[in-house]
Amino acid sequence: MSIKTLSVSLVFFISTISTSQANLLQSGFNAEYDVNYNGMELGVSKRRLSMSKNQIATFEAATFPEGFAALLIKETITETSKIKITYEKIQPIQYVEAKDKKGKIEKYQLSFDWNKNTLRNGYLKISEPLKSNTHDLLSFQLNMMRDLQKNKQNMQYRIATKRHTRDYSLNIILTEKIETNMGEFEVIKLTTKPVKGKSQFTFWCAPALEFLPVKIQKTNDKGNKFSFTLRSFSIQK
């Protein structure tokens, strides 16, 4: 599909966004995703974007095993990102990940100091320059939604994680339909070029939900694939 055709499709999709779901990045939302690892069902990831005063939001994700996987895997992961959200930009302030392995908690923190332009990685115990497009794994997804709402098609993000900070180029590759537990959605499919071997993100974003990802796939350096497919969604009240 050509860039021109994609542009026309995006304009059409944006015009079909439901007004009842307008301004998700201001009102907040709840979303649950079925989690899959290399074709095996693992459990659920529950996500919640909550708004507070001074344009500061909290984006939380709790991922844990369900069903048969819960008999084999005794680990839950909780992520919390404090984020400043305005129309002009989305900036992470603090990101914390905690893994609970049979009651043993492993935790690390990323701190984003935009006044001093410094990123502090609590796991590596290092500080590095903070570039304007730097995000954590949660704020990055909200910024992608905002960029798509602004009809951007080629996006550059610098993503900080536990062990490294990497640059990703995210591009729209096609429009298609995808089936979820909530029914069928028209989506924009976006993917990054592989970084440092096989590390890659792919997103299927629904214009009808203000470009909320209805499916996410993360391929790690070893080529293992984690996927998240929308199970349920609601607006914060």
Protein backbone atom coordinates (compact mmCIF):
# COMPACT_ATOMS: atom_id res chain seq x y z
CA MET A 1 0.00 0.00 0.00
CA SER A 2 1.35 3.43 -0.92
CA ILE A 3 1.94 6.23 1.59
CA LYS A 4 -0.72 8.30 -0.20
CA THR A 5 -3.28 5.51 0.15
CA LEU A 6 -2.37 5.10 3.81
CA SER A 7 -2.84 8.83 4.39
CA VAL A 8 -6.33 8.69 2.88
CA SER A 9 -7.13 5.64 5.02
CA LEU A 10 -5.93 7.38 8.16
CA VAL A 11 -8.07 10.44 7.49
CA PHE A 12 -11.10 8.18 6.98
CA PHE A 13 -10.40 6.16 10.12
CA ILE A 14 -9.90 9.26 12.26
CA SER A 15 -13.28 10.57 11.12
CA THR A 16 -14.93 7.36 12.40
CA ILE A 17 -13.63 7.61 15.97
CA SER A 18 -16.54 7.30 18.39
CA THR A 19 -17.20 10.52 20.30
CA SER A 20 -18.02 8.41 23.38
CA GLN A 21 -14.36 7.37 23.42
CA ALA A 22 -12.88 10.77 22.70
CA ASN A 23 -9.89 12.07 24.66
CA LEU A 24 -8.74 8.77 26.17
CA LEU A 25 -5.41 10.34 27.00
CA GLN A 26 -7.24 12.92 29.11
CA SER A 27 -10.01 10.81 30.62
CA GLY A 28 -8.06 7.59 31.19
CA PHE A 29 -9.04 4.00 30.42
CA ASN A 30 -8.89 0.36 31.48
CA ALA A 31 -7.77 -2.42 29.14
CA GLU A 32 -7.11 -6.13 29.54
CA TYR A 33 -4.98 -8.18 27.15
CA ASP A 34 -4.58 -11.93 26.67
CA VAL A 35 -0.87 -12.73 26.88
CA ASN A 36 0.80 -15.28 24.61
CA TYR A 37 4.42 -16.47 24.51
CA ASN A 38 5.69 -18.23 21.39
CA GLY A 39 2.19 -19.56 20.69
CA MET A 40 1.42 -20.61 24.28
CA GLU A 41 -1.31 -18.89 26.29
CA LEU A 42 0.17 -17.43 29.46
CA GLY A 43 -2.37 -15.20 31.17
CA VAL A 44 -3.56 -11.62 31.29
CA SER A 45 -2.14 -8.11 31.37
CA LYS A 46 -4.40 -5.55 33.06
CA ARG A 47 -3.69 -1.93 32.21
CA ARG A 48 -5.07 1.27 33.69
CA LEU A 49 -4.44 4.90 32.76
CA SER A 50 -5.52 7.23 35.58
CA MET A 51 -5.45 11.01 35.50
CA SER A 52 -4.62 13.34 38.38
CA LYS A 53 -3.88 17.03 38.83
CA ASN A 54 -1.30 19.07 36.95
CA GLN A 55 -1.57 16.89 33.81
CA ILE A 56 0.19 14.01 35.58
CA ALA A 57 -1.06 10.52 34.74
CA THR A 58 -0.32 7.07 36.11
CA PHE A 59 -0.19 4.20 33.66
CA GLU A 60 -0.15 0.81 35.40
CA ALA A 61 0.21 -2.70 33.97
CA ALA A 62 -0.13 -5.93 35.98
CA THR A 63 0.72 -9.14 34.11
CA PHE A 64 0.19 -12.57 35.63
CA PRO A 65 -0.44 -16.20 34.58
CA GLU A 66 -3.90 -17.75 34.31
CA GLY A 67 -5.29 -21.26 33.85
CA PHE A 68 -2.83 -24.07 33.20
CA ALA A 69 0.07 -21.60 32.90
CA ALA A 70 -0.52 -20.54 36.52
CA LEU A 71 0.43 -24.08 37.60
CA LEU A 72 3.80 -23.76 35.90
CA ILE A 73 4.67 -20.07 36.23
CA LYS A 74 4.85 -18.40 39.63
CA GLU A 75 5.67 -14.87 38.58
CA THR A 76 3.75 -11.62 38.31
CA ILE A 77 5.04 -8.37 36.85
CA THR A 78 3.80 -4.92 37.84
CA GLU A 79 4.80 -1.81 35.91
CA THR A 80 3.99 1.76 36.93
CA SER A 81 4.79 4.84 34.88
CA LYS A 82 4.24 8.42 36.04
CA ILE A 83 3.73 10.56 32.94
CA LYS A 84 3.06 14.22 32.12
CA ILE A 85 0.51 14.39 29.32
CA THR A 86 -0.24 17.53 27.30
CA TYR A 87 -1.39 17.99 23.73
CA GLU A 88 2.11 19.01 22.69
CA LYS A 89 4.04 16.18 24.32
CA ILE A 90 4.02 13.13 26.55
CA GLN A 91 6.94 12.85 28.96
CA PRO A 92 7.68 10.01 31.38
CA ILE A 93 8.73 11.05 34.88
CA GLN A 94 9.32 7.75 36.63
CA TYR A 95 8.99 4.09 35.68
CA VAL A 96 9.08 1.21 38.15
CA GLU A 97 8.96 -2.51 37.34
CA ALA A 98 8.50 -5.10 40.09
CA LYS A 99 8.68 -8.88 39.57
CA ASP A 100 7.20 -11.11 42.23
CA LYS A 101 8.71 -14.60 42.06
CA LYS A 102 7.09 -16.74 44.77
CA GLY A 103 7.14 -13.80 47.18
CA LYS A 104 10.65 -12.62 46.26
CA ILE A 105 10.42 -9.11 44.84
CA GLU A 106 12.87 -7.84 42.21
CA LYS A 107 12.47 -4.15 41.40
CA TYR A 108 14.16 -1.46 39.35
CA GLN A 109 13.42 2.19 38.56
CA LEU A 110 14.01 4.65 35.74
CA SER A 111 13.97 8.37 36.59
CA PHE A 112 13.54 11.04 33.89
CA ASP A 113 14.83 14.48 34.95
CA TRP A 114 13.72 16.84 32.18
CA ASN A 115 15.16 19.91 33.93
CA LYS A 116 18.67 18.45 33.94
CA ASN A 117 18.08 16.31 30.81
CA THR A 118 19.30 13.23 32.65
CA LEU A 119 18.01 9.65 32.67
CA ARG A 120 18.87 7.61 35.75
CA ASN A 121 18.80 3.81 35.47
CA GLY A 122 18.50 2.35 38.97
CA TYR A 123 19.28 -1.19 37.83
CA LEU A 124 22.51 -0.36 36.00
CA LYS A 125 23.23 2.45 38.46
CA ILE A 126 24.15 4.83 35.67
CA SER A 127 22.99 8.22 34.38
CA GLU A 128 22.89 9.18 30.71
CA PRO A 129 21.78 12.16 28.60
CA LEU A 130 18.01 12.40 28.24
CA LYS A 131 16.85 13.07 24.69
CA SER A 132 13.46 14.63 23.92
CA ASN A 133 11.98 11.46 22.39
CA THR A 134 12.97 9.14 25.27
CA HIS A 135 10.29 6.91 26.80
CA ASP A 136 9.76 3.91 29.01
CA LEU A 137 7.85 0.86 27.77
CA LEU A 138 4.46 2.26 28.85
CA SER A 139 4.75 5.97 28.04
CA PHE A 140 6.06 5.02 24.59
CA GLN A 141 2.72 3.39 23.74
CA LEU A 142 0.73 6.46 24.80
CA ASN A 143 2.98 8.71 22.73
CA MET A 144 2.44 6.44 19.74
CA MET A 145 -1.34 6.87 20.16
CA ARG A 146 -0.92 10.66 20.28
CA ASP A 147 1.34 10.68 17.21
CA LEU A 148 -1.17 8.60 15.23
CA GLN A 149 -3.95 10.99 16.28
CA LYS A 150 -1.81 13.73 14.75
CA ASN A 151 -1.59 11.68 11.52
CA LYS A 152 2.14 10.96 11.85
CA GLN A 153 3.36 8.00 9.84
CA ASN A 154 7.06 7.73 10.63
CA MET A 155 7.95 7.98 14.30
CA GLN A 156 11.26 7.89 16.14
CA TYR A 157 11.42 6.78 19.77
CA ARG A 158 14.25 6.18 22.21
CA ILE A 159 13.11 3.48 24.64
CA ALA A 160 14.74 2.96 28.03
CA THR A 161 14.50 -0.48 29.64
CA LYS A 162 16.20 -2.37 32.46
CA ARG A 163 19.37 -3.23 30.58
CA HIS A 164 19.66 -0.69 27.76
CA THR A 165 18.38 2.39 25.93
CA ARG A 166 17.72 1.88 22.22
CA ASP A 167 16.45 3.89 19.26
CA TYR A 168 13.47 2.54 17.31
CA SER A 169 11.93 3.76 14.06
CA LEU A 170 8.21 2.96 13.92
CA ASN A 171 6.48 2.94 10.53
CA ILE A 172 2.97 2.25 9.26
CA ILE A 173 3.04 -0.74 6.92
CA LEU A 174 -0.63 -1.46 6.15
CA THR A 175 -4.27 -1.24 7.18
CA GLU A 176 -6.26 -4.39 7.87
CA LYS A 177 -8.91 -5.99 10.07
CA ILE A 178 -8.17 -7.98 13.22
CA GLU A 179 -10.37 -10.18 15.39
CA THR A 180 -10.35 -9.83 19.20
CA ASN A 181 -12.58 -10.92 22.07
CA MET A 182 -14.28 -7.54 21.67
CA GLY A 183 -15.03 -8.22 18.01
CA GLU A 184 -13.43 -7.14 14.76
CA PHE A 185 -11.49 -3.88 14.46
CA GLU A 186 -10.15 -1.89 11.54
CA VAL A 187 -6.50 -1.31 12.47
CA ILE A 188 -3.32 0.39 11.42
CA LYS A 189 -0.38 -2.02 11.59
CA LEU A 190 2.96 -0.52 12.56
CA THR A 191 6.34 -2.12 13.10
CA THR A 192 9.88 -1.18 13.98
CA LYS A 193 12.98 -2.34 12.19
CA PRO A 194 14.88 -5.02 14.15
CA VAL A 195 17.41 -3.52 16.56
CA LYS A 196 20.52 -5.29 17.89
CA GLY A 197 19.57 -8.51 16.15
CA LYS A 198 15.92 -9.48 16.53
CA SER A 199 14.51 -6.92 18.99
CA GLN A 200 11.33 -5.52 17.42
CA PHE A 201 7.87 -4.09 18.23
CA THR A 202 4.70 -4.52 16.16
CA PHE A 203 1.40 -2.80 16.95
CA TRP A 204 -2.14 -3.10 15.60
CA CYS A 205 -3.86 0.19 16.55
CA ALA A 206 -7.61 0.82 16.26
CA PRO A 207 -8.69 4.30 15.11
CA ALA A 208 -12.13 3.60 16.63
CA LEU A 209 -10.40 3.49 20.04
CA GLU A 210 -8.24 6.55 19.36
CA PHE A 211 -5.43 4.27 18.16
CA LEU A 212 -5.27 2.20 21.32
CA PRO A 213 -3.30 -0.95 20.43
CA VAL A 214 -5.68 -3.91 20.19
CA LYS A 215 -2.66 -6.17 19.67
CA ILE A 216 0.99 -5.78 20.61
CA GLN A 217 3.87 -8.07 19.74
CA LYS A 218 7.38 -7.78 21.19
CA THR A 219 10.22 -9.88 19.82
CA ASN A 220 13.25 -10.01 22.11
CA ASP A 221 16.92 -10.32 21.19
CA LYS A 222 16.67 -14.12 21.11
CA GLY A 223 13.68 -14.09 18.74
CA ASN A 224 11.08 -15.08 21.34
CA LYS A 225 7.67 -13.48 20.74
CA PHE A 226 5.37 -12.06 23.40
CA SER A 227 1.94 -10.96 22.17
CA PHE A 228 -0.91 -9.08 23.86
CA THR A 229 -4.42 -9.16 22.34
CA LEU A 230 -7.26 -7.00 23.64
CA ARG A 231 -9.74 -8.83 25.88
CA SER A 232 -11.73 -5.93 27.29
CA PHE A 233 -11.77 -2.13 27.33
CA SER A 234 -13.56 0.64 29.24
CA ILE A 235 -13.24 4.38 29.77
CA GLN A 236 -12.33 5.73 33.19
CA LYS A 237 -15.28 7.23 35.04
